[in-house]
Amino acid sequence: MTTATTTHTILRAEGFSCPSCVAKIEKQVGRLKGVENVKVHFASARIEIDHDAERVSVDDLVAAVAKAGYKATPAAF
């Protein structure tokens, strides 16, 4: 039996133009297996994601944001 380890990742996003962008990103990232919670902060262009790091990597998260049509990079803080 393995225990799931939840990782909290913060991404910085670019290309937000309207609040409806938030829903597109949350929906796309939320589809990934291993993602437990996605919260996009429109005003600060931050994406906070709780996920199982063994099932979905930071690169996978960035790719999901790109698939939604936006650029994201891991945040240093």
C-alpha atoms as a PDB file:
ATOM      1  CA  MET A   1       0.000   0.000   0.000  1.00  0.00           C
ATOM      2  CA  THR A   2       1.371   3.394  -0.946  1.00  0.00           C
ATOM      3  CA  THR A   3       0.428   6.735   0.489  1.00  0.00           C
ATOM      4  CA  ALA A   4      -0.321   9.544  -1.911  1.00  0.00           C
ATOM      5  CA  THR A   5       1.840  12.591  -1.402  1.00  0.00           C
ATOM      6  CA  THR A   6       0.185  15.834  -2.331  1.00  0.00           C
ATOM      7  CA  THR A   7       2.429  18.558  -3.704  1.00  0.00           C
ATOM      8  CA  HIS A   8       1.425  22.217  -3.838  1.00  0.00           C
ATOM      9  CA  THR A   9       2.752  23.844  -7.020  1.00  0.00           C
ATOM     10  CA  ILE A  10       2.466  27.496  -7.995  1.00  0.00           C
ATOM     11  CA  LEU A  11       2.760  28.551 -11.632  1.00  0.00           C
ATOM     12  CA  ARG A  12       3.009  32.061 -13.045  1.00  0.00           C
ATOM     13  CA  ALA A  13       0.844  32.520 -16.108  1.00  0.00           C
ATOM     14  CA  GLU A  14       1.007  34.911 -19.047  1.00  0.00           C
ATOM     15  CA  GLY A  15      -1.591  35.895 -21.573  1.00  0.00           C
ATOM     16  CA  PHE A  16      -4.595  36.414 -19.318  1.00  0.00           C
ATOM     17  CA  SER A  17      -6.933  38.898 -20.924  1.00  0.00           C
ATOM     18  CA  CYS A  18     -10.240  38.244 -19.198  1.00  0.00           C
ATOM     19  CA  PRO A  19     -11.684  36.405 -16.186  1.00  0.00           C
ATOM     20  CA  SER A  20     -13.115  33.698 -18.463  1.00  0.00           C
ATOM     21  CA  CYS A  21      -9.504  32.565 -19.003  1.00  0.00           C
ATOM     22  CA  VAL A  22      -9.592  31.319 -15.412  1.00  0.00           C
ATOM     23  CA  ALA A  23     -12.288  28.733 -16.113  1.00  0.00           C
ATOM     24  CA  LYS A  24     -10.508  27.454 -19.236  1.00  0.00           C
ATOM     25  CA  ILE A  25      -7.274  26.868 -17.339  1.00  0.00           C
ATOM     26  CA  GLU A  26      -8.938  25.339 -14.277  1.00  0.00           C
ATOM     27  CA  LYS A  27     -10.904  22.941 -16.488  1.00  0.00           C
ATOM     28  CA  GLN A  28      -7.892  21.891 -18.590  1.00  0.00           C
ATOM     29  CA  VAL A  29      -5.520  21.362 -15.656  1.00  0.00           C
ATOM     30  CA  GLY A  30      -8.236  19.741 -13.546  1.00  0.00           C
ATOM     31  CA  ARG A  31      -8.647  16.988 -16.151  1.00  0.00           C
ATOM     32  CA  LEU A  32      -5.191  15.591 -15.436  1.00  0.00           C
ATOM     33  CA  LYS A  33      -5.091  12.386 -13.403  1.00  0.00           C
ATOM     34  CA  GLY A  34      -3.529  13.135 -10.040  1.00  0.00           C
ATOM     35  CA  VAL A  35      -4.664  16.773  -9.845  1.00  0.00           C
ATOM     36  CA  GLU A  36      -6.742  17.326  -6.723  1.00  0.00           C
ATOM     37  CA  ASN A  37      -7.354  21.076  -6.765  1.00  0.00           C
ATOM     38  CA  VAL A  38      -6.727  23.994  -9.140  1.00  0.00           C
ATOM     39  CA  LYS A  39      -7.168  27.647  -8.242  1.00  0.00           C
ATOM     40  CA  VAL A  40      -6.362  30.417 -10.717  1.00  0.00           C
ATOM     41  CA  HIS A  41      -5.866  33.921  -9.333  1.00  0.00           C
ATOM     42  CA  PHE A  42      -6.699  36.277 -12.200  1.00  0.00           C
ATOM     43  CA  ALA A  43      -5.361  39.501 -10.631  1.00  0.00           C
ATOM     44  CA  SER A  44      -1.940  38.078  -9.790  1.00  0.00           C
ATOM     45  CA  ALA A  45      -1.726  35.607 -12.723  1.00  0.00           C
ATOM     46  CA  ARG A  46      -0.960  32.757 -10.318  1.00  0.00           C
ATOM     47  CA  ILE A  47      -2.127  29.184 -10.687  1.00  0.00           C
ATOM     48  CA  GLU A  48      -2.076  27.103  -7.499  1.00  0.00           C
ATOM     49  CA  ILE A  49      -2.334  23.360  -7.970  1.00  0.00           C
ATOM     50  CA  ASP A  50      -2.499  20.516  -5.452  1.00  0.00           C
ATOM     51  CA  HIS A  51      -1.422  17.305  -7.158  1.00  0.00           C
ATOM     52  CA  ASP A  52       0.177  13.909  -6.695  1.00  0.00           C
ATOM     53  CA  ALA A  53       3.750  14.488  -7.909  1.00  0.00           C
ATOM     54  CA  GLU A  54       4.139  10.776  -8.686  1.00  0.00           C
ATOM     55  CA  ARG A  55       1.228  10.854 -11.134  1.00  0.00           C
ATOM     56  CA  VAL A  56       1.529  14.301 -12.706  1.00  0.00           C
ATOM     57  CA  SER A  57       4.701  16.388 -13.034  1.00  0.00           C
ATOM     58  CA  VAL A  58       5.168  20.146 -13.108  1.00  0.00           C
ATOM     59  CA  ASP A  59       5.941  19.796 -16.836  1.00  0.00           C
ATOM     60  CA  ASP A  60       2.559  18.090 -17.289  1.00  0.00           C
ATOM     61  CA  LEU A  61       0.860  21.014 -15.526  1.00  0.00           C
ATOM     62  CA  VAL A  62       2.658  23.578 -17.703  1.00  0.00           C
ATOM     63  CA  ALA A  63       1.691  21.576 -20.806  1.00  0.00           C
ATOM     64  CA  ALA A  64      -1.975  21.547 -19.730  1.00  0.00           C
ATOM     65  CA  VAL A  65      -1.934  25.335 -19.343  1.00  0.00           C
ATOM     66  CA  ALA A  66      -0.338  25.602 -22.798  1.00  0.00           C
ATOM     67  CA  LYS A  67      -3.076  23.354 -24.214  1.00  0.00           C
ATOM     68  CA  ALA A  68      -5.613  25.856 -22.836  1.00  0.00           C
ATOM     69  CA  GLY A  69      -3.782  28.553 -24.841  1.00  0.00           C
ATOM     70  CA  TYR A  70      -1.621  30.238 -22.188  1.00  0.00           C
ATOM     71  CA  LYS A  71       2.020  30.257 -21.165  1.00  0.00           C
ATOM     72  CA  ALA A  72       2.972  29.224 -17.627  1.00  0.00           C
ATOM     73  CA  THR A  73       6.223  28.771 -15.768  1.00  0.00           C
ATOM     74  CA  PRO A  74       6.954  27.393 -12.301  1.00  0.00           C
ATOM     75  CA  ALA A  75       7.063  30.211  -9.737  1.00  0.00           C
ATOM     76  CA  ALA A  76      10.041  30.653  -7.445  1.00  0.00           C
ATOM     77  CA  PHE A  77       7.699  31.635  -4.602  1.00  0.00           C
END
